[in-house]
Amino acid sequence: MTAQRYFISIDDLSRARGESPELSFTGNSPASFAAAFEDALRHRSLWERWKAKQKDPDSVDAATGVKDPDATVTATQSDLHCDVEVVTSLPHALMRHRLDLLIGHNWKLRDVRAA
C-alpha cells in the first residue's frame, strides 16, 4: 500500500484522552503525543493491549494489528490547538482506530494527500 499524508488537528491536547485509561495518551505536549502515536503505528504494543481487553481476544482479526515501521508523526502547537501530520502506509481505518484509542474522538481530519 502506498503511503498517505494525513493532516489532523486536536483542539485541546491536554484534555484529549481515549475511553480506556490504560490505553489512553497521558501526556500534554505535542512532542509526547507525536512519539506515542508514532509508536502505536510502528509497533503492536498498543494494539496488543487493546486486543487483550476484548471479550474474545482470539477472535480479533490479526490484520487489524498490522504495523508500519516507517510511519512518522509530527505535531506542533498552534494557538490553542495541535496540528499533526502523519505519514503512513496503514489503511485509514487502522490509523483512526489507534488514534481513537489514544485520544478518543478529540481530533479532526483536515486533509489527506499522497506522501
PDB file of N, CA and C in Angstrom:
ATOM      1  N   MET A   1       0.847  -1.178   0.000  1.00  0.00           N
ATOM      2  CA  MET A   1       0.000   0.000   0.000  1.00  0.00           C
ATOM      3  C   MET A   1       0.893   1.242   0.000  1.00  0.00           C
ATOM      4  N   THR A   2       0.500   2.252  -0.725  1.00  0.00           N
ATOM      5  CA  THR A   2       1.296   3.470  -0.782  1.00  0.00           C
ATOM      6  C   THR A   2       1.028   4.337   0.443  1.00  0.00           C
ATOM      7  N   ALA A   3       2.019   5.098   0.809  1.00  0.00           N
ATOM      8  CA  ALA A   3       1.903   5.949   1.986  1.00  0.00           C
ATOM      9  C   ALA A   3       0.996   7.141   1.698  1.00  0.00           C
ATOM     10  N   GLN A   4       0.266   7.530   2.719  1.00  0.00           N
ATOM     11  CA  GLN A   4      -0.598   8.703   2.677  1.00  0.00           C
ATOM     12  C   GLN A   4      -0.123   9.688   3.739  1.00  0.00           C
ATOM     13  N   ARG A   5      -0.374  10.961   3.492  1.00  0.00           N
ATOM     14  CA  ARG A   5      -0.051  12.013   4.460  1.00  0.00           C
ATOM     15  C   ARG A   5      -1.379  12.550   4.993  1.00  0.00           C
ATOM     16  N   TYR A   6      -1.576  12.408   6.291  1.00  0.00           N
ATOM     17  CA  TYR A   6      -2.801  12.854   6.942  1.00  0.00           C
ATOM     18  C   TYR A   6      -2.514  14.108   7.750  1.00  0.00           C
ATOM     19  N   PHE A   7      -3.396  15.085   7.634  1.00  0.00           N
ATOM     20  CA  PHE A   7      -3.288  16.317   8.410  1.00  0.00           C
ATOM     21  C   PHE A   7      -4.454  16.331   9.387  1.00  0.00           C
ATOM     22  N   ILE A   8      -4.124  16.364  10.673  1.00  0.00           N
ATOM     23  CA  ILE A   8      -5.101  16.229  11.750  1.00  0.00           C
ATOM     24  C   ILE A   8      -4.961  17.411  12.688  1.00  0.00           C
ATOM     25  N   SER A   9      -6.067  17.839  13.286  1.00  0.00           N
ATOM     26  CA  SER A   9      -5.994  18.859  14.337  1.00  0.00           C
ATOM     27  C   SER A   9      -6.662  18.324  15.603  1.00  0.00           C
ATOM     28  N   ILE A  10      -6.104  18.749  16.712  1.00  0.00           N
ATOM     29  CA  ILE A  10      -6.630  18.384  18.033  1.00  0.00           C
ATOM     30  C   ILE A  10      -6.867  19.698  18.771  1.00  0.00           C
ATOM     31  N   ASP A  11      -8.103  19.950  19.180  1.00  0.00           N
ATOM     32  CA  ASP A  11      -8.432  21.235  19.791  1.00  0.00           C
ATOM     33  C   ASP A  11      -7.694  21.483  21.104  1.00  0.00           C
ATOM     34  N   ASP A  12      -7.696  20.541  22.000  1.00  0.00           N
ATOM     35  CA  ASP A  12      -7.052  20.727  23.304  1.00  0.00           C
ATOM     36  C   ASP A  12      -6.343  19.428  23.683  1.00  0.00           C
ATOM     37  N   LEU A  13      -5.078  19.342  23.332  1.00  0.00           N
ATOM     38  CA  LEU A  13      -4.313  18.113  23.542  1.00  0.00           C
ATOM     39  C   LEU A  13      -4.253  17.721  25.015  1.00  0.00           C
ATOM     40  N   SER A  14      -4.211  18.689  25.912  1.00  0.00           N
ATOM     41  CA  SER A  14      -4.108  18.370  27.342  1.00  0.00           C
ATOM     42  C   SER A  14      -5.354  17.664  27.870  1.00  0.00           C
ATOM     43  N   ARG A  15      -6.459  17.769  27.162  1.00  0.00           N
ATOM     44  CA  ARG A  15      -7.703  17.117  27.577  1.00  0.00           C
ATOM     45  C   ARG A  15      -8.104  15.977  26.650  1.00  0.00           C
ATOM     46  N   ALA A  16      -7.320  15.729  25.615  1.00  0.00           N
ATOM     47  CA  ALA A  16      -7.648  14.681  24.644  1.00  0.00           C
ATOM     48  C   ALA A  16      -7.209  13.328  25.192  1.00  0.00           C
ATOM     49  N   ARG A  17      -8.182  12.507  25.532  1.00  0.00           N
ATOM     50  CA  ARG A  17      -7.907  11.202  26.110  1.00  0.00           C
ATOM     51  C   ARG A  17      -8.848  10.166  25.510  1.00  0.00           C
ATOM     52  N   GLY A  18      -8.357   8.939  25.423  1.00  0.00           N
ATOM     53  CA  GLY A  18      -9.192   7.842  24.961  1.00  0.00           C
ATOM     54  C   GLY A  18     -10.120   7.376  26.062  1.00  0.00           C
ATOM     55  N   GLU A  19     -11.028   6.482  25.723  1.00  0.00           N
ATOM     56  CA  GLU A  19     -12.019   5.989  26.686  1.00  0.00           C
ATOM     57  C   GLU A  19     -11.416   5.094  27.758  1.00  0.00           C
ATOM     58  N   SER A  20     -10.376   4.362  27.420  1.00  0.00           N
ATOM     59  CA  SER A  20      -9.777   3.408  28.351  1.00  0.00           C
ATOM     60  C   SER A  20      -8.488   3.998  28.928  1.00  0.00           C
ATOM     61  N   PRO A  21      -8.459   4.314  30.217  1.00  0.00           N
ATOM     62  CA  PRO A  21      -7.276   4.948  30.801  1.00  0.00           C
ATOM     63  C   PRO A  21      -5.977   4.169  30.588  1.00  0.00           C
ATOM     64  N   GLU A  22      -6.048   2.837  30.564  1.00  0.00           N
ATOM     65  CA  GLU A  22      -4.823   2.052  30.392  1.00  0.00           C
ATOM     66  C   GLU A  22      -4.304   2.045  28.951  1.00  0.00           C
ATOM     67  N   LEU A  23      -5.084   2.547  28.011  1.00  0.00           N
ATOM     68  CA  LEU A  23      -4.658   2.639  26.613  1.00  0.00           C
ATOM     69  C   LEU A  23      -4.467   4.090  26.165  1.00  0.00           C
ATOM     70  N   SER A  24      -4.975   4.997  26.947  1.00  0.00           N
ATOM     71  CA  SER A  24      -5.047   6.403  26.587  1.00  0.00           C
ATOM     72  C   SER A  24      -3.713   7.138  26.675  1.00  0.00           C
ATOM     73  N   PHE A  25      -3.567   8.152  25.841  1.00  0.00           N
ATOM     74  CA  PHE A  25      -2.447   9.080  25.894  1.00  0.00           C
ATOM     75  C   PHE A  25      -2.491   9.809  27.239  1.00  0.00           C
ATOM     76  N   THR A  26      -1.335   9.970  27.869  1.00  0.00           N
ATOM     77  CA  THR A  26      -1.303  10.607  29.187  1.00  0.00           C
ATOM     78  C   THR A  26      -0.475  11.887  29.229  1.00  0.00           C
ATOM     79  N   GLY A  27       0.138  12.253  28.128  1.00  0.00           N
ATOM     80  CA  GLY A  27       0.966  13.454  28.114  1.00  0.00           C
ATOM     81  C   GLY A  27       0.159  14.697  27.813  1.00  0.00           C
ATOM     82  N   ASN A  28       0.876  15.801  27.586  1.00  0.00           N
ATOM     83  CA  ASN A  28       0.178  17.024  27.207  1.00  0.00           C
ATOM     84  C   ASN A  28       0.964  17.872  26.213  1.00  0.00           C
ATOM     85  N   SER A  29       2.110  17.382  25.751  1.00  0.00           N
ATOM     86  CA  SER A  29       2.885  18.154  24.783  1.00  0.00           C
ATOM     87  C   SER A  29       2.744  17.545  23.389  1.00  0.00           C
ATOM     88  N   PRO A  30       2.850  18.372  22.363  1.00  0.00           N
ATOM     89  CA  PRO A  30       2.804  17.838  21.003  1.00  0.00           C
ATOM     90  C   PRO A  30       3.894  16.791  20.752  1.00  0.00           C
ATOM     91  N   ALA A  31       5.087  17.009  21.291  1.00  0.00           N
ATOM     92  CA  ALA A  31       6.179  16.052  21.084  1.00  0.00           C
ATOM     93  C   ALA A  31       5.858  14.701  21.719  1.00  0.00           C
ATOM     94  N   SER A  32       5.284  14.708  22.927  1.00  0.00           N
ATOM     95  CA  SER A  32       4.961  13.434  23.578  1.00  0.00           C
ATOM     96  C   SER A  32       3.814  12.723  22.855  1.00  0.00           C
ATOM     97  N   PHE A  33       2.862  13.492  22.327  1.00  0.00           N
ATOM     98  CA  PHE A  33       1.790  12.869  21.554  1.00  0.00           C
ATOM     99  C   PHE A  33       2.340  12.258  20.267  1.00  0.00           C
ATOM    100  N   ALA A  34       3.181  13.011  19.549  1.00  0.00           N
ATOM    101  CA  ALA A  34       3.753  12.507  18.301  1.00  0.00           C
ATOM    102  C   ALA A  34       4.508  11.202  18.554  1.00  0.00           C
ATOM    103  N   ALA A  35       5.274  11.154  19.634  1.00  0.00           N
ATOM    104  CA  ALA A  35       6.031   9.941  19.960  1.00  0.00           C
ATOM    105  C   ALA A  35       5.091   8.771  20.271  1.00  0.00           C
ATOM    106  N   ALA A  36       4.036   9.034  21.033  1.00  0.00           N
ATOM    107  CA  ALA A  36       3.086   7.970  21.398  1.00  0.00           C
ATOM    108  C   ALA A  36       2.334   7.448  20.172  1.00  0.00           C
ATOM    109  N   PHE A  37       1.892   8.353  19.312  1.00  0.00           N
ATOM    110  CA  PHE A  37       1.132   7.926  18.138  1.00  0.00           C
ATOM    111  C   PHE A  37       2.043   7.223  17.130  1.00  0.00           C
ATOM    112  N   GLU A  38       3.246   7.733  16.959  1.00  0.00           N
ATOM    113  CA  GLU A  38       4.202   7.074  16.058  1.00  0.00           C
ATOM    114  C   GLU A  38       4.500   5.657  16.542  1.00  0.00           C
ATOM    115  N   ASP A  39       4.669   5.500  17.844  1.00  0.00           N
ATOM    116  CA  ASP A  39       4.898   4.173  18.411  1.00  0.00           C
ATOM    117  C   ASP A  39       3.703   3.252  18.148  1.00  0.00           C
ATOM    118  N   ALA A  40       2.490   3.792  18.272  1.00  0.00           N
ATOM    119  CA  ALA A  40       1.280   2.993  18.041  1.00  0.00           C
ATOM    120  C   ALA A  40       1.165   2.530  16.587  1.00  0.00           C
ATOM    121  N   LEU A  41       1.728   3.301  15.670  1.00  0.00           N
ATOM    122  CA  LEU A  41       1.691   2.923  14.259  1.00  0.00           C
ATOM    123  C   LEU A  41       2.831   1.984  13.887  1.00  0.00           C
ATOM    124  N   ARG A  42       3.979   2.160  14.524  1.00  0.00           N
ATOM    125  CA  ARG A  42       5.176   1.380  14.180  1.00  0.00           C
ATOM    126  C   ARG A  42       5.252   0.029  14.886  1.00  0.00           C
ATOM    127  N   HIS A  43       4.614  -0.087  16.037  1.00  0.00           N
ATOM    128  CA  HIS A  43       4.706  -1.307  16.846  1.00  0.00           C
ATOM    129  C   HIS A  43       3.316  -1.817  17.189  1.00  0.00           C
ATOM    130  N   ARG A  44       3.255  -3.020  17.687  1.00  0.00           N
ATOM    131  CA  ARG A  44       1.967  -3.647  18.005  1.00  0.00           C
ATOM    132  C   ARG A  44       1.577  -3.541  19.475  1.00  0.00           C
ATOM    133  N   SER A  45       2.357  -2.893  20.295  1.00  0.00           N
ATOM    134  CA  SER A  45       2.102  -2.935  21.743  1.00  0.00           C
ATOM    135  C   SER A  45       0.742  -2.347  22.125  1.00  0.00           C
ATOM    136  N   LEU A  46       0.363  -1.195  21.591  1.00  0.00           N
ATOM    137  CA  LEU A  46      -0.952  -0.619  21.903  1.00  0.00           C
ATOM    138  C   LEU A  46      -2.054  -1.557  21.412  1.00  0.00           C
ATOM    139  N   TRP A  47      -1.920  -2.057  20.196  1.00  0.00           N
ATOM    140  CA  TRP A  47      -2.916  -2.964  19.642  1.00  0.00           C
ATOM    141  C   TRP A  47      -3.022  -4.237  20.482  1.00  0.00           C
ATOM    142  N   GLU A  48      -1.893  -4.777  20.916  1.00  0.00           N
ATOM    143  CA  GLU A  48      -1.904  -5.992  21.724  1.00  0.00           C
ATOM    144  C   GLU A  48      -2.592  -5.765  23.075  1.00  0.00           C
ATOM    145  N   ARG A  49      -2.358  -4.604  23.684  1.00  0.00           N
ATOM    146  CA  ARG A  49      -3.047  -4.293  24.945  1.00  0.00           C
ATOM    147  C   ARG A  49      -4.545  -4.145  24.709  1.00  0.00           C
ATOM    148  N   TRP A  50      -4.929  -3.520  23.590  1.00  0.00           N
ATOM    149  CA  TRP A  50      -6.349  -3.382  23.252  1.00  0.00           C
ATOM    150  C   TRP A  50      -6.960  -4.764  23.004  1.00  0.00           C
ATOM    151  N   LYS A  51      -6.260  -5.585  22.241  1.00  0.00           N
ATOM    152  CA  LYS A  51      -6.748  -6.930  21.917  1.00  0.00           C
ATOM    153  C   LYS A  51      -6.978  -7.746  23.191  1.00  0.00           C
ATOM    154  N   ALA A  52      -6.064  -7.650  24.143  1.00  0.00           N
ATOM    155  CA  ALA A  52      -6.188  -8.412  25.398  1.00  0.00           C
ATOM    156  C   ALA A  52      -7.432  -8.010  26.185  1.00  0.00           C
ATOM    157  N   LYS A  53      -7.924  -6.803  25.985  1.00  0.00           N
ATOM    158  CA  LYS A  53      -9.108  -6.320  26.701  1.00  0.00           C
ATOM    159  C   LYS A  53     -10.421  -6.758  26.046  1.00  0.00           C
ATOM    160  N   GLN A  54     -10.351  -7.356  24.858  1.00  0.00           N
ATOM    161  CA  GLN A  54     -11.562  -7.758  24.152  1.00  0.00           C
ATOM    162  C   GLN A  54     -12.169  -9.009  24.786  1.00  0.00           C
ATOM    163  N   LYS A  55     -13.464  -9.160  24.619  1.00  0.00           N
ATOM    164  CA  LYS A  55     -14.185 -10.290  25.210  1.00  0.00           C
ATOM    165  C   LYS A  55     -13.603 -11.626  24.751  1.00  0.00           C
ATOM    166  N   ASP A  56     -13.258 -11.720  23.469  1.00  0.00           N
ATOM    167  CA  ASP A  56     -12.661 -12.935  22.913  1.00  0.00           C
ATOM    168  C   ASP A  56     -11.429 -12.532  22.095  1.00  0.00           C
ATOM    169  N   PRO A  57     -10.302 -12.320  22.758  1.00  0.00           N
ATOM    170  CA  PRO A  57      -9.102 -11.843  22.063  1.00  0.00           C
ATOM    171  C   PRO A  57      -8.683 -12.720  20.887  1.00  0.00           C
ATOM    172  N   ASP A  58      -8.915 -14.009  20.976  1.00  0.00           N
ATOM    173  CA  ASP A  58      -8.516 -14.915  19.894  1.00  0.00           C
ATOM    174  C   ASP A  58      -9.328 -14.709  18.616  1.00  0.00           C
ATOM    175  N   SER A  59     -10.479 -14.073  18.738  1.00  0.00           N
ATOM    176  CA  SER A  59     -11.321 -13.851  17.555  1.00  0.00           C
ATOM    177  C   SER A  59     -11.003 -12.530  16.846  1.00  0.00           C
ATOM    178  N   VAL A  60     -10.119 -11.718  17.420  1.00  0.00           N
ATOM    179  CA  VAL A  60      -9.759 -10.443  16.796  1.00  0.00           C
ATOM    180  C   VAL A  60      -8.945 -10.709  15.534  1.00  0.00           C
ATOM    181  N   ASP A  61      -9.338 -10.086  14.457  1.00  0.00           N
ATOM    182  CA  ASP A  61      -8.663 -10.246  13.169  1.00  0.00           C
ATOM    183  C   ASP A  61      -7.228  -9.729  13.279  1.00  0.00           C
ATOM    184  N   ALA A  62      -6.269 -10.600  13.034  1.00  0.00           N
ATOM    185  CA  ALA A  62      -4.853 -10.233  13.128  1.00  0.00           C
ATOM    186  C   ALA A  62      -4.481  -9.122  12.151  1.00  0.00           C
ATOM    187  N   ALA A  63      -5.231  -8.974  11.079  1.00  0.00           N
ATOM    188  CA  ALA A  63      -4.949  -7.921  10.096  1.00  0.00           C
ATOM    189  C   ALA A  63      -5.127  -6.528  10.688  1.00  0.00           C
ATOM    190  N   THR A  64      -5.894  -6.418  11.762  1.00  0.00           N
ATOM    191  CA  THR A  64      -6.065  -5.104  12.397  1.00  0.00           C
ATOM    192  C   THR A  64      -4.840  -4.705  13.220  1.00  0.00           C
ATOM    193  N   GLY A  65      -3.916  -5.627  13.407  1.00  0.00           N
ATOM    194  CA  GLY A  65      -2.701  -5.348  14.164  1.00  0.00           C
ATOM    195  C   GLY A  65      -1.483  -5.075  13.298  1.00  0.00           C
ATOM    196  N   VAL A  66      -1.695  -4.877  12.016  1.00  0.00           N
ATOM    197  CA  VAL A  66      -0.585  -4.581  11.108  1.00  0.00           C
ATOM    198  C   VAL A  66       0.132  -3.325  11.577  1.00  0.00           C
ATOM    199  N   LYS A  67       1.444  -3.300  11.364  1.00  0.00           N
ATOM    200  CA  LYS A  67       2.232  -2.128  11.767  1.00  0.00           C
ATOM    201  C   LYS A  67       2.948  -1.543  10.558  1.00  0.00           C
ATOM    202  N   ASP A  68       3.372  -0.311  10.693  1.00  0.00           N
ATOM    203  CA  ASP A  68       4.120   0.387   9.646  1.00  0.00           C
ATOM    204  C   ASP A  68       5.407   0.913  10.276  1.00  0.00           C
ATOM    205  N   PRO A  69       6.506   0.177  10.151  1.00  0.00           N
ATOM    206  CA  PRO A  69       7.755   0.586  10.779  1.00  0.00           C
ATOM    207  C   PRO A  69       8.326   1.897  10.234  1.00  0.00           C
ATOM    208  N   ASP A  70       7.793   2.364   9.110  1.00  0.00           N
ATOM    209  CA  ASP A  70       8.264   3.620   8.521  1.00  0.00           C
ATOM    210  C   ASP A  70       7.356   4.807   8.811  1.00  0.00           C
ATOM    211  N   ALA A  71       6.309   4.614   9.588  1.00  0.00           N
ATOM    212  CA  ALA A  71       5.372   5.697   9.895  1.00  0.00           C
ATOM    213  C   ALA A  71       6.086   6.835  10.620  1.00  0.00           C
ATOM    214  N   THR A  72       5.675   8.054  10.299  1.00  0.00           N
ATOM    215  CA  THR A  72       6.207   9.226  11.006  1.00  0.00           C
ATOM    216  C   THR A  72       5.052  10.106  11.454  1.00  0.00           C
ATOM    217  N   VAL A  73       5.244  10.719  12.608  1.00  0.00           N
ATOM    218  CA  VAL A  73       4.247  11.632  13.151  1.00  0.00           C
ATOM    219  C   VAL A  73       4.975  12.864  13.661  1.00  0.00           C
ATOM    220  N   THR A  74       4.500  14.028  13.249  1.00  0.00           N
ATOM    221  CA  THR A  74       4.997  15.285  13.801  1.00  0.00           C
ATOM    222  C   THR A  74       3.798  16.069  14.316  1.00  0.00           C
ATOM    223  N   ALA A  75       4.013  16.781  15.386  1.00  0.00           N
ATOM    224  CA  ALA A  75       2.924  17.562  15.975  1.00  0.00           C
ATOM    225  C   ALA A  75       3.483  18.881  16.484  1.00  0.00           C
ATOM    226  N   THR A  76       2.729  19.943  16.257  1.00  0.00           N
ATOM    227  CA  THR A  76       3.125  21.269  16.715  1.00  0.00           C
ATOM    228  C   THR A  76       1.943  21.974  17.342  1.00  0.00           C
ATOM    229  N   GLN A  77       2.234  22.779  18.331  1.00  0.00           N
ATOM    230  CA  GLN A  77       1.203  23.588  18.982  1.00  0.00           C
ATOM    231  C   GLN A  77       0.983  24.827  18.136  1.00  0.00           C
ATOM    232  N   SER A  78      -0.264  25.181  17.884  1.00  0.00           N
ATOM    233  CA  SER A  78      -0.616  26.364  17.110  1.00  0.00           C
ATOM    234  C   SER A  78      -1.795  27.018  17.805  1.00  0.00           C
ATOM    235  N   ASP A  79      -1.540  28.134  18.457  1.00  0.00           N
ATOM    236  CA  ASP A  79      -2.546  28.774  19.304  1.00  0.00           C
ATOM    237  C   ASP A  79      -2.967  27.775  20.387  1.00  0.00           C
ATOM    238  N   LEU A  80      -4.245  27.460  20.442  1.00  0.00           N
ATOM    239  CA  LEU A  80      -4.725  26.531  21.465  1.00  0.00           C
ATOM    240  C   LEU A  80      -4.851  25.100  20.960  1.00  0.00           C
ATOM    241  N   HIS A  81      -4.659  24.886  19.670  1.00  0.00           N
ATOM    242  CA  HIS A  81      -4.822  23.526  19.148  1.00  0.00           C
ATOM    243  C   HIS A  81      -3.476  22.968  18.685  1.00  0.00           C
ATOM    244  N   CYS A  82      -3.496  21.692  18.409  1.00  0.00           N
ATOM    245  CA  CYS A  82      -2.297  20.974  17.985  1.00  0.00           C
ATOM    246  C   CYS A  82      -2.506  20.503  16.545  1.00  0.00           C
ATOM    247  N   ASP A  83      -1.529  20.796  15.687  1.00  0.00           N
ATOM    248  CA  ASP A  83      -1.558  20.328  14.305  1.00  0.00           C
ATOM    249  C   ASP A  83      -0.660  19.100  14.198  1.00  0.00           C
ATOM    250  N   VAL A  84      -1.187  18.052  13.581  1.00  0.00           N
ATOM    251  CA  VAL A  84      -0.479  16.778  13.496  1.00  0.00           C
ATOM    252  C   VAL A  84      -0.380  16.366  12.029  1.00  0.00           C
ATOM    253  N   GLU A  85       0.798  15.904  11.649  1.00  0.00           N
ATOM    254  CA  GLU A  85       0.999  15.370  10.306  1.00  0.00           C
ATOM    255  C   GLU A  85       1.479  13.926  10.455  1.00  0.00           C
ATOM    256  N   VAL A  86       0.775  13.024   9.803  1.00  0.00           N
ATOM    257  CA  VAL A  86       1.067  11.595   9.882  1.00  0.00           C
ATOM    258  C   VAL A  86       1.355  11.082   8.476  1.00  0.00           C
ATOM    259  N   VAL A  87       2.448  10.374   8.328  1.00  0.00           N
ATOM    260  CA  VAL A  87       2.749   9.703   7.063  1.00  0.00           C
ATOM    261  C   VAL A  87       2.805   8.213   7.369  1.00  0.00           C
ATOM    262  N   THR A  88       1.912   7.460   6.729  1.00  0.00           N
ATOM    263  CA  THR A  88       1.849   6.025   6.979  1.00  0.00           C
ATOM    264  C   THR A  88       1.268   5.294   5.779  1.00  0.00           C
ATOM    265  N   SER A  89       1.631   4.044   5.665  1.00  0.00           N
ATOM    266  CA  SER A  89       1.043   3.187   4.630  1.00  0.00           C
ATOM    267  C   SER A  89      -0.107   2.358   5.195  1.00  0.00           C
ATOM    268  N   LEU A  90      -0.398   2.514   6.474  1.00  0.00           N
ATOM    269  CA  LEU A  90      -1.531   1.796   7.070  1.00  0.00           C
ATOM    270  C   LEU A  90      -2.843   2.348   6.517  1.00  0.00           C
ATOM    271  N   PRO A  91      -3.839   1.506   6.365  1.00  0.00           N
ATOM    272  CA  PRO A  91      -5.150   1.992   5.931  1.00  0.00           C
ATOM    273  C   PRO A  91      -5.714   3.005   6.938  1.00  0.00           C
ATOM    274  N   HIS A  92      -6.516   3.903   6.428  1.00  0.00           N
ATOM    275  CA  HIS A  92      -7.113   4.949   7.262  1.00  0.00           C
ATOM    276  C   HIS A  92      -7.842   4.361   8.471  1.00  0.00           C
ATOM    277  N   ALA A  93      -8.572   3.289   8.287  1.00  0.00           N
ATOM    278  CA  ALA A  93      -9.346   2.691   9.384  1.00  0.00           C
ATOM    279  C   ALA A  93      -8.442   2.245  10.538  1.00  0.00           C
ATOM    280  N   LEU A  94      -7.277   1.690  10.232  1.00  0.00           N
ATOM    281  CA  LEU A  94      -6.367   1.249  11.292  1.00  0.00           C
ATOM    282  C   LEU A  94      -5.730   2.442  12.000  1.00  0.00           C
ATOM    283  N   MET A  95      -5.354   3.456  11.232  1.00  0.00           N
ATOM    284  CA  MET A  95      -4.799   4.662  11.831  1.00  0.00           C
ATOM    285  C   MET A  95      -5.838   5.319  12.751  1.00  0.00           C
ATOM    286  N   ARG A  96      -7.063   5.415  12.270  1.00  0.00           N
ATOM    287  CA  ARG A  96      -8.146   6.025  13.044  1.00  0.00           C
ATOM    288  C   ARG A  96      -8.400   5.250  14.335  1.00  0.00           C
ATOM    289  N   HIS A  97      -8.387   3.924  14.268  1.00  0.00           N
ATOM    290  CA  HIS A  97      -8.629   3.106  15.456  1.00  0.00           C
ATOM    291  C   HIS A  97      -7.576   3.381  16.530  1.00  0.00           C
ATOM    292  N   ARG A  98      -6.319   3.417  16.144  1.00  0.00           N
ATOM    293  CA  ARG A  98      -5.245   3.658  17.115  1.00  0.00           C
ATOM    294  C   ARG A  98      -5.288   5.079  17.657  1.00  0.00           C
ATOM    295  N   LEU A  99      -5.644   6.023  16.805  1.00  0.00           N
ATOM    296  CA  LEU A  99      -5.790   7.405  17.260  1.00  0.00           C
ATOM    297  C   LEU A  99      -6.935   7.516  18.261  1.00  0.00           C
ATOM    298  N   ASP A 100      -8.038   6.835  17.989  1.00  0.00           N
ATOM    299  CA  ASP A 100      -9.170   6.832  18.920  1.00  0.00           C
ATOM    300  C   ASP A 100      -8.805   6.184  20.252  1.00  0.00           C
ATOM    301  N   LEU A 101      -7.999   5.128  20.226  1.00  0.00           N
ATOM    302  CA  LEU A 101      -7.559   4.508  21.482  1.00  0.00           C
ATOM    303  C   LEU A 101      -6.761   5.504  22.317  1.00  0.00           C
ATOM    304  N   LEU A 102      -5.913   6.272  21.655  1.00  0.00           N
ATOM    305  CA  LEU A 102      -5.053   7.213  22.374  1.00  0.00           C
ATOM    306  C   LEU A 102      -5.788   8.460  22.863  1.00  0.00           C
ATOM    307  N   ILE A 103      -6.588   9.088  21.981  1.00  0.00           N
ATOM    308  CA  ILE A 103      -7.197  10.370  22.365  1.00  0.00           C
ATOM    309  C   ILE A 103      -8.698  10.437  22.126  1.00  0.00           C
ATOM    310  N   GLY A 104      -9.323   9.313  21.911  1.00  0.00           N
ATOM    311  CA  GLY A 104     -10.768   9.318  21.698  1.00  0.00           C
ATOM    312  C   GLY A 104     -11.137  10.039  20.410  1.00  0.00           C
ATOM    313  N   HIS A 105     -12.287  10.669  20.406  1.00  0.00           N
ATOM    314  CA  HIS A 105     -12.772  11.368  19.211  1.00  0.00           C
ATOM    315  C   HIS A 105     -12.441  12.855  19.279  1.00  0.00           C
ATOM    316  N   ASN A 106     -11.331  13.184  19.917  1.00  0.00           N
ATOM    317  CA  ASN A 106     -10.933  14.571  20.122  1.00  0.00           C
ATOM    318  C   ASN A 106     -10.022  15.089  19.016  1.00  0.00           C
ATOM    319  N   TRP A 107     -10.254  14.642  17.805  1.00  0.00           N
ATOM    320  CA  TRP A 107      -9.423  15.052  16.677  1.00  0.00           C
ATOM    321  C   TRP A 107     -10.285  15.211  15.435  1.00  0.00           C
ATOM    322  N   LYS A 108      -9.730  15.967  14.473  1.00  0.00           N
ATOM    323  CA  LYS A 108     -10.428  16.175  13.193  1.00  0.00           C
ATOM    324  C   LYS A 108      -9.423  15.955  12.068  1.00  0.00           C
ATOM    325  N   LEU A 109      -9.848  15.201  11.079  1.00  0.00           N
ATOM    326  CA  LEU A 109      -9.048  15.004   9.882  1.00  0.00           C
ATOM    327  C   LEU A 109      -9.257  16.214   8.984  1.00  0.00           C
ATOM    328  N   ARG A 110      -8.165  16.905   8.660  1.00  0.00           N
ATOM    329  CA  ARG A 110      -8.252  18.122   7.847  1.00  0.00           C
ATOM    330  C   ARG A 110      -7.993  17.869   6.361  1.00  0.00           C
ATOM    331  N   ASP A 111      -7.080  16.938   6.062  1.00  0.00           N
ATOM    332  CA  ASP A 111      -6.729  16.696   4.665  1.00  0.00           C
ATOM    333  C   ASP A 111      -5.966  15.383   4.562  1.00  0.00           C
ATOM    334  N   VAL A 112      -5.999  14.790   3.379  1.00  0.00           N
ATOM    335  CA  VAL A 112      -5.229  13.585   3.078  1.00  0.00           C
ATOM    336  C   VAL A 112      -4.608  13.788   1.706  1.00  0.00           C
ATOM    337  N   ARG A 113      -3.318  13.460   1.607  1.00  0.00           N
ATOM    338  CA  ARG A 113      -2.612  13.587   0.333  1.00  0.00           C
ATOM    339  C   ARG A 113      -1.694  12.382   0.178  1.00  0.00           C
ATOM    340  N   ALA A 114      -1.289  12.134  -1.048  1.00  0.00           N
ATOM    341  CA  ALA A 114      -0.271  11.115  -1.278  1.00  0.00           C
ATOM    342  C   ALA A 114       1.031  11.589  -0.662  1.00  0.00           C
ATOM    343  N   ALA A 115       1.757  10.680  -0.066  1.00  0.00           N
ATOM    344  CA  ALA A 115       3.016  11.060   0.590  1.00  0.00           C
ATOM    345  C   ALA A 115       4.140  11.155  -0.418  1.00  0.00           C
TER     346      ALA A 115
END
